[in-house]
Amino acid sequence: MTARFALLGAGRIGKVHARAVSSNPGAKLVAVADAFEKPAAELAAAHGAEVRSIDAIEAAGDIDAVVICTPTDTHADLIERFARAGKAIFCEKPIDLDVARVKACLAVVRDAGATLMVGFNRRFDPHFAAVRKAIDDGTIGKVEMVTITSRDPGAPPYDYIPRSGGIFRDMTIHDFDMARFLLGEEPVFVSAHAAVLVDRKIGELGDFDSATAILETVSGRQCVISNSRRATYGYDQRIEVHGSKGMAAAENQRPVSIEIADGRGYTRPPLHDFFMTRYTEAYANEIAAFIGAMAAGGAASPGGEDGLAALMLAEAALKSVREGRRVRVDEIG
């Protein structure tokens, strides 16, 4: 059976998900909605879909699921709306920037019995998934320490920063989810430090551009996360998991994996320039997993509770920075 999709939001991430849906043999992109007519029409035409309003999509009998790629402040309302309409829902992170609002939204999803998946795509990256498999197989023994490096090539536009929720809710939230994915235990403490080292305008807008967080679990397992809004050498995405029997790591990926040796030494091509190319496979794999969850009629993973847990870690990190102390996660919300 083909899963019939509507895409809400025809921006940058919407285009990524439109491609992932259209490339899946078990899915069909039926409709696209956006506040602006031109991008919606262009994206719909590129994938053989039609432009519809959100109201029309909500009432449509030929749409099984929606992919929400609209601005963050619309996510929770749209999740609730389509949960009540009986649609399966894939929503980009975060569900909302407020913990209480997320909890209220998840209560609606539970009451409606809806399928909800949150877009933490990095779980589906083949390289990161292979590290998780090494953990599950016992290859490296019991996890002791996790290191996550995530650095963007450049900062987002200034007008995005005030509505992004800040670096911890917008950027590090992916790494908080990855930490939970790899640690095997829930973090109970967060210590974080943040600074403005890249662009003072970011600080004037109330955010940071350089951050480090340390997560601790009840057994003492630790995860160190390093973030920066500036990596002059490309999109820096690495993880390392140290265990009682060894270590597993996923290194940076390049569009072309070759190495050249000459009189100047050894050289390799540059890294991917951003998430849209680095995580192409991950986006395709997560949509495939969502379709699988729809077909099975079960819970999708990562789900709403995963989105809530990552947001709570982000809130704890921000509280740690503001108060200059180690924060218990259960202080949040």
Protein backbone atom coordinates (compact mmCIF):
# COMPACT_ATOMS: atom_id res chain seq x y z
CA MET A 1 0.00 0.00 0.00
CA THR A 2 1.36 3.43 -0.92
CA ALA A 3 1.52 6.03 1.87
CA ARG A 4 0.05 9.30 0.62
CA PHE A 5 1.76 12.43 1.94
CA ALA A 6 1.16 16.14 2.22
CA LEU A 7 4.06 18.49 2.87
CA LEU A 8 3.49 21.58 4.98
CA GLY A 9 6.21 24.13 4.29
CA ALA A 10 8.11 24.47 1.02
CA GLY A 11 11.33 25.98 2.36
CA ARG A 12 14.81 24.51 2.58
CA ILE A 13 14.01 21.54 4.83
CA GLY A 14 10.69 21.05 3.03
CA LYS A 15 12.56 20.46 -0.21
CA VAL A 16 14.74 17.87 1.51
CA HIS A 17 11.72 15.96 2.78
CA ALA A 18 9.85 16.27 -0.51
CA ARG A 19 12.78 14.55 -2.20
CA ALA A 20 12.89 11.84 0.49
CA VAL A 21 9.17 11.11 0.16
CA SER A 22 9.20 11.09 -3.64
CA SER A 23 12.22 8.82 -3.82
CA ASN A 24 10.58 6.17 -1.61
CA PRO A 25 8.73 3.50 -3.63
CA GLY A 26 6.20 3.12 -0.84
CA ALA A 27 5.20 6.77 -0.76
CA LYS A 28 3.61 9.43 -2.91
CA LEU A 29 3.67 13.18 -2.40
CA VAL A 30 0.10 14.27 -3.09
CA ALA A 31 0.02 17.88 -1.92
CA VAL A 32 2.14 20.82 -0.82
CA ALA A 33 1.03 23.75 1.34
CA ASP A 34 2.95 26.92 2.06
CA ALA A 35 2.16 30.48 3.09
CA PHE A 36 3.79 31.65 -0.15
CA GLU A 37 2.28 30.54 -3.43
CA LYS A 38 5.37 30.49 -5.65
CA PRO A 39 7.60 28.09 -3.64
CA ALA A 40 4.63 25.80 -3.05
CA ALA A 41 3.83 25.67 -6.75
CA GLU A 42 7.44 25.09 -7.75
CA LEU A 43 7.95 22.28 -5.25
CA ALA A 44 4.63 20.63 -6.09
CA ALA A 45 5.42 20.73 -9.81
CA ALA A 46 8.86 19.22 -9.23
CA HIS A 47 7.34 16.17 -7.53
CA GLY A 48 4.07 15.68 -9.40
CA ALA A 49 1.95 16.98 -6.52
CA GLU A 50 -0.61 19.76 -6.29
CA VAL A 51 -0.88 22.86 -4.13
CA ARG A 52 -3.56 22.72 -1.45
CA SER A 53 -4.45 24.74 1.62
CA ILE A 54 -3.89 23.33 5.08
CA ASP A 55 -7.65 23.23 5.56
CA ALA A 56 -8.04 21.13 2.41
CA ILE A 57 -5.26 18.77 3.49
CA GLU A 58 -6.84 18.34 6.90
CA ALA A 59 -10.14 17.28 5.33
CA ALA A 60 -8.64 15.23 2.48
CA GLY A 61 -9.45 11.56 2.17
CA ASP A 62 -6.52 10.91 -0.16
CA ILE A 63 -3.81 11.90 2.33
CA ASP A 64 -2.58 9.55 5.06
CA ALA A 65 0.23 11.56 6.58
CA VAL A 66 1.68 15.06 6.83
CA VAL A 67 5.28 16.21 7.03
CA ILE A 68 5.48 19.44 9.03
CA CYS A 69 8.30 21.74 7.91
CA THR A 70 6.72 25.06 8.87
CA PRO A 71 8.19 27.57 11.38
CA THR A 72 8.69 26.20 14.90
CA ASP A 73 5.95 28.29 16.49
CA THR A 74 3.36 26.49 14.33
CA HIS A 75 4.46 22.92 15.04
CA ALA A 76 2.45 22.10 18.16
CA ASP A 77 -0.79 23.55 16.80
CA LEU A 78 -0.41 21.64 13.53
CA ILE A 79 0.46 18.39 15.31
CA GLU A 80 -2.70 18.65 17.41
CA ARG A 81 -4.81 19.58 14.42
CA PHE A 82 -3.70 16.63 12.29
CA ALA A 83 -3.71 14.18 15.18
CA ARG A 84 -7.40 14.96 15.66
CA ALA A 85 -7.91 14.63 11.88
CA GLY A 86 -6.59 11.06 11.99
CA LYS A 87 -3.39 11.68 10.01
CA ALA A 88 0.04 10.27 10.81
CA ILE A 89 2.45 13.08 11.56
CA PHE A 90 6.14 13.60 10.89
CA CYS A 91 7.33 16.87 12.39
CA GLU A 92 10.69 18.58 12.20
CA LYS A 93 12.30 19.36 15.55
CA PRO A 94 11.44 20.92 17.89
CA ILE A 95 7.79 20.34 18.69
CA ASP A 96 7.83 23.70 20.47
CA LEU A 97 10.31 25.86 22.39
CA ASP A 98 8.31 25.58 25.62
CA VAL A 99 8.35 22.36 27.68
CA ALA A 100 4.80 22.83 29.01
CA ARG A 101 3.46 23.39 25.50
CA VAL A 102 5.16 20.20 24.28
CA LYS A 103 3.64 18.18 27.12
CA ALA A 104 0.17 19.52 26.31
CA CYS A 105 0.64 18.69 22.64
CA LEU A 106 1.75 15.13 23.40
CA ALA A 107 -1.34 14.63 25.54
CA VAL A 108 -3.49 15.45 22.50
CA VAL A 109 -1.48 13.02 20.37
CA ARG A 110 -1.97 10.25 22.94
CA ASP A 111 -5.69 10.92 23.26
CA ALA A 112 -6.08 10.80 19.47
CA GLY A 113 -4.00 7.63 19.16
CA ALA A 114 -1.98 9.31 16.41
CA THR A 115 1.40 8.25 15.04
CA LEU A 116 3.97 11.00 15.64
CA MET A 117 7.61 10.97 14.62
CA VAL A 118 10.06 13.80 15.36
CA GLY A 119 12.78 14.62 12.85
CA PHE A 120 16.00 13.69 14.60
CA ASN A 121 17.50 12.52 11.33
CA ARG A 122 20.99 11.80 12.63
CA ARG A 123 19.82 8.55 14.22
CA PHE A 124 19.31 7.30 10.67
CA ASP A 125 22.72 8.26 9.30
CA PRO A 126 24.36 4.96 8.22
CA HIS A 127 27.65 5.85 9.92
CA PHE A 128 26.12 6.86 13.25
CA ALA A 129 23.76 3.89 13.11
CA ALA A 130 26.79 1.60 12.67
CA VAL A 131 28.27 3.02 15.87
CA ARG A 132 25.01 2.29 17.67
CA LYS A 133 25.09 -1.26 16.28
CA ALA A 134 28.60 -1.75 17.65
CA ILE A 135 27.21 -0.77 21.05
CA ASP A 136 24.20 -3.07 20.76
CA ASP A 137 26.36 -5.98 19.60
CA GLY A 138 28.63 -5.60 22.63
CA THR A 139 31.66 -5.03 20.43
CA ILE A 140 33.01 -2.18 22.55
CA GLY A 141 31.60 -3.38 25.87
CA LYS A 142 29.70 -1.10 28.22
CA VAL A 143 29.50 2.52 27.16
CA GLU A 144 31.57 4.81 29.38
CA MET A 145 32.12 8.08 27.49
CA VAL A 146 30.62 9.69 24.39
CA THR A 147 32.08 12.61 22.46
CA ILE A 148 29.98 14.52 19.90
CA THR A 149 31.40 17.25 17.67
CA SER A 150 28.90 19.30 15.68
CA ARG A 151 30.04 22.52 14.02
CA ASP A 152 28.29 24.45 11.27
CA PRO A 153 30.17 26.10 8.39
CA GLY A 154 28.51 29.42 9.26
CA ALA A 155 25.90 31.08 11.42
CA PRO A 156 22.25 31.35 10.34
CA PRO A 157 20.81 34.68 9.13
CA TYR A 158 20.40 37.32 11.83
CA ASP A 159 16.61 37.40 11.42
CA TYR A 160 16.43 33.67 12.23
CA ILE A 161 18.31 33.87 15.53
CA PRO A 162 15.63 35.55 17.71
CA ARG A 163 12.99 33.01 16.64
CA SER A 164 15.27 29.95 16.67
CA GLY A 165 15.10 29.40 20.41
CA GLY A 166 18.86 29.82 20.72
CA ILE A 167 21.79 27.54 20.02
CA PHE A 168 20.83 24.87 22.58
CA ARG A 169 17.21 24.48 21.41
CA ASP A 170 18.02 24.93 17.72
CA MET A 171 21.41 23.31 17.10
CA THR A 172 22.55 21.33 20.14
CA ILE A 173 19.12 19.67 20.40
CA HIS A 174 20.22 17.26 17.65
CA ASP A 175 23.29 16.39 19.70
CA PHE A 176 21.24 15.96 22.88
CA ASP A 177 19.14 13.41 21.02
CA MET A 178 22.25 11.69 19.67
CA ALA A 179 23.68 11.57 23.21
CA ARG A 180 20.55 9.79 24.43
CA PHE A 181 20.73 7.47 21.41
CA LEU A 182 24.30 6.43 22.26
CA LEU A 183 24.57 6.58 26.05
CA GLY A 184 21.98 3.90 26.73
CA GLU A 185 20.93 5.72 29.91
CA GLU A 186 19.08 8.97 30.43
CA PRO A 187 21.22 11.98 31.37
CA VAL A 188 20.38 13.30 34.83
CA PHE A 189 22.83 16.22 35.06
CA VAL A 190 23.86 18.90 32.55
CA SER A 191 26.79 21.31 32.78
CA ALA A 192 27.12 23.82 29.95
CA HIS A 193 29.27 26.76 28.92
CA ALA A 194 28.58 29.17 26.08
CA ALA A 195 30.20 32.24 24.54
CA VAL A 196 30.05 34.61 21.59
CA LEU A 197 33.29 34.04 19.66
CA VAL A 198 32.13 34.12 16.05
CA ASP A 199 29.97 37.20 15.63
CA ARG A 200 29.15 39.77 18.34
CA LYS A 201 25.85 40.54 16.59
CA ILE A 202 24.68 37.05 17.60
CA GLY A 203 25.29 38.04 21.21
CA GLU A 204 23.43 41.29 20.75
CA LEU A 205 20.47 39.23 19.53
CA GLY A 206 20.55 37.24 22.76
CA ASP A 207 22.21 34.04 21.62
CA PHE A 208 25.58 32.28 21.69
CA ASP A 209 27.64 30.87 18.81
CA SER A 210 30.05 28.59 20.70
CA ALA A 211 28.97 26.05 23.30
CA THR A 212 30.08 22.98 25.23
CA ALA A 213 27.84 20.69 27.26
CA ILE A 214 28.61 17.76 29.54
CA LEU A 215 25.85 15.25 30.23
CA GLU A 216 26.02 12.72 33.08
CA THR A 217 23.86 9.63 33.64
CA VAL A 218 22.99 8.11 37.01
CA SER A 219 25.75 5.49 36.63
CA GLY A 220 28.35 8.12 35.77
CA ARG A 221 28.47 7.74 32.00
CA GLN A 222 29.40 11.03 30.35
CA CYS A 223 28.86 12.76 27.03
CA VAL A 224 30.76 15.85 25.93
CA ILE A 225 29.22 17.95 23.14
CA SER A 226 31.17 20.61 21.23
CA ASN A 227 29.28 23.14 19.08
CA SER A 228 30.32 26.11 16.99
CA ARG A 229 28.56 28.25 14.41
CA ARG A 230 31.82 28.57 12.46
CA ALA A 231 33.89 25.78 10.92
CA THR A 232 35.96 27.25 8.10
CA TYR A 233 36.76 23.77 6.77
CA GLY A 234 33.17 22.54 6.26
CA TYR A 235 30.32 20.81 8.09
CA ASP A 236 32.03 19.08 11.01
CA GLN A 237 30.04 16.05 12.23
CA ARG A 238 31.84 13.40 14.31
CA ILE A 239 31.01 11.02 17.13
CA GLU A 240 33.11 8.72 19.31
CA VAL A 241 31.94 6.19 21.88
CA HIS A 242 34.44 4.77 24.36
CA GLY A 243 33.53 1.52 26.05
CA SER A 244 34.94 -1.02 28.46
CA LYS A 245 36.27 -3.18 25.59
CA GLY A 246 37.13 -0.59 22.96
CA MET A 247 35.96 2.39 20.96
CA ALA A 248 33.72 3.08 17.97
CA ALA A 249 33.87 6.30 15.98
CA ALA A 250 32.24 7.87 12.94
CA GLU A 251 34.40 10.41 11.16
CA ASN A 252 33.51 13.30 8.90
CA GLN A 253 32.09 12.47 5.49
CA ARG A 254 33.06 13.95 2.13
CA PRO A 255 31.19 14.07 -1.18
CA VAL A 256 34.12 12.13 -2.67
CA SER A 257 36.14 9.78 -0.45
CA ILE A 258 39.57 9.78 -2.04
CA GLU A 259 43.07 10.68 -0.93
CA ILE A 260 45.81 12.13 -3.15
CA ALA A 261 49.52 11.97 -2.38
CA ASP A 262 52.05 14.15 -4.16
CA GLY A 263 55.01 16.39 -3.41
CA ARG A 264 52.89 18.51 -1.08
CA GLY A 265 51.89 15.53 1.04
CA TYR A 266 48.53 13.82 1.47
CA THR A 267 45.32 15.69 0.64
CA ARG A 268 41.63 14.84 0.67
CA PRO A 269 38.58 16.64 -0.78
CA PRO A 270 36.71 19.10 1.47
CA LEU A 271 33.87 18.09 3.77
CA HIS A 272 30.21 18.42 2.89
CA ASP A 273 29.16 22.05 3.05
CA PHE A 274 25.98 21.58 5.13
CA PHE A 275 23.30 19.21 6.41
CA MET A 276 21.35 18.94 3.16
CA THR A 277 24.14 17.00 1.46
CA ARG A 278 25.78 15.42 4.54
CA TYR A 279 22.58 13.75 5.72
CA THR A 280 20.86 12.86 2.43
CA GLU A 281 20.75 9.16 3.30
CA ALA A 282 19.60 9.90 6.83
CA TYR A 283 16.60 11.90 5.61
CA ALA A 284 15.62 9.11 3.22
CA ASN A 285 16.03 6.47 5.93
CA GLU A 286 13.95 8.33 8.50
CA ILE A 287 11.05 8.75 6.07
CA ALA A 288 11.30 5.02 5.33
CA ALA A 289 11.15 4.31 9.07
CA PHE A 290 8.11 6.57 9.42
CA ILE A 291 6.34 4.74 6.59
CA GLY A 292 7.20 1.45 8.31
CA ALA A 293 5.68 2.66 11.56
CA MET A 294 2.53 3.75 9.74
CA ALA A 295 2.21 0.36 8.07
CA ALA A 296 2.72 -1.50 11.35
CA GLY A 297 0.27 0.71 13.19
CA GLY A 298 2.70 1.13 16.07
CA ALA A 299 4.69 3.89 17.68
CA ALA A 300 7.25 5.76 15.60
CA SER A 301 10.78 6.34 16.83
CA PRO A 302 12.06 8.88 17.63
CA GLY A 303 8.67 9.98 18.88
CA GLY A 304 7.18 12.85 20.81
CA GLU A 305 8.71 11.80 24.12
CA ASP A 306 12.15 11.85 22.51
CA GLY A 307 11.46 15.38 21.33
CA LEU A 308 10.45 16.36 24.86
CA ALA A 309 13.54 14.75 26.41
CA ALA A 310 15.90 16.57 24.05
CA LEU A 311 14.17 19.90 24.72
CA MET A 312 14.49 19.38 28.47
CA LEU A 313 18.23 18.81 28.07
CA ALA A 314 18.42 22.02 26.05
CA GLU A 315 16.59 23.90 28.79
CA ALA A 316 18.90 22.42 31.42
CA ALA A 317 21.94 23.50 29.40
CA LEU A 318 20.64 27.05 29.10
CA LYS A 319 19.89 27.14 32.83
CA SER A 320 23.41 25.90 33.54
CA VAL A 321 24.92 28.70 31.46
CA ARG A 322 22.76 31.39 33.03
CA GLU A 323 23.29 30.23 36.60
CA GLY A 324 26.86 28.96 36.31
CA ARG A 325 26.16 25.56 37.84
CA ARG A 326 25.50 21.90 37.21
CA VAL A 327 21.74 21.40 36.67
CA ARG A 328 19.58 18.38 37.36
CA VAL A 329 17.35 17.60 34.40
CA ASP A 330 14.39 17.01 36.72
CA GLU A 331 14.54 20.71 37.66
CA ILE A 332 13.08 21.44 34.22
CA GLY A 333 9.36 21.52 33.55
